[in-house]
């Protein structure tokens, strides 16, 4: 029996059980941990199993059974004696050196008062059901300065519109000339408008006014959206009160 074999047996047993007893020392306990938030609430981490050490003795014989199963010439009674003696020696070493490394699991450590605790390896995985689960980021694409400049330039072009070159208003006729365009036709006489109708030039004027108003409103909304996106990049926490309720904010801070 050596520490490598003991660590291998503990990991094999803990995959199928919630606790594994080390006779005379304590027991390893696996506990399910729920999903958590990180990165100021913008990342959801998947659930996992946490491994820690408890000084309380359990009543299971998983390690004894594993050792006897892997060594056909050793019965359960002899396996229990070998395991108990090895763990007693390990406990004495732990009290002196304060650290015993379990390869593939972590480190069993002792305080100055010889209280034992366990520090698991960062890459320890004892949750086979969670294979493939990855942290989920709630952040959107981060715009580069070039992308922001391009978006602002496009917004400016969308809002901008050439002004009419001249507007001539007569008693009954309004003529609009746009730069670079000539009127489609110039009749010698324009008939009097029929009662209840609007001359075509007036309709065009109102149509252009509504288009301009719509473009201004759209430009304002796009500018507001751009400001919100920039604020969320510069100070993510500043937008949290607008995006989450008080209960959600308490959960995120937790």
Foldseek 3Di string as FASTA:
>chain_A
DDLQVVLVLLLVVVLPDQWDFQPPAFIKGWDKDQWAADPLRQKIFHIAIDIKTDRHGDDDDSSLVVVCVVPVVDDSVRSVVVSNVVVVVVLVVQLVVQWDARPLFFIWGADPVGDIMTDGDPPRHSHVVCPPDGMDGNDDDDDDPVRLVVVVVVLVVLLDDFDWPDWDDDPQDIDTHRPPDDDPDDDPDDDHDDPPDHDPVVVVVVVVVVVNVVSVVVSVVVVVVSVVSVCCVVPVVVCVVVVDPPVVSVRSVD
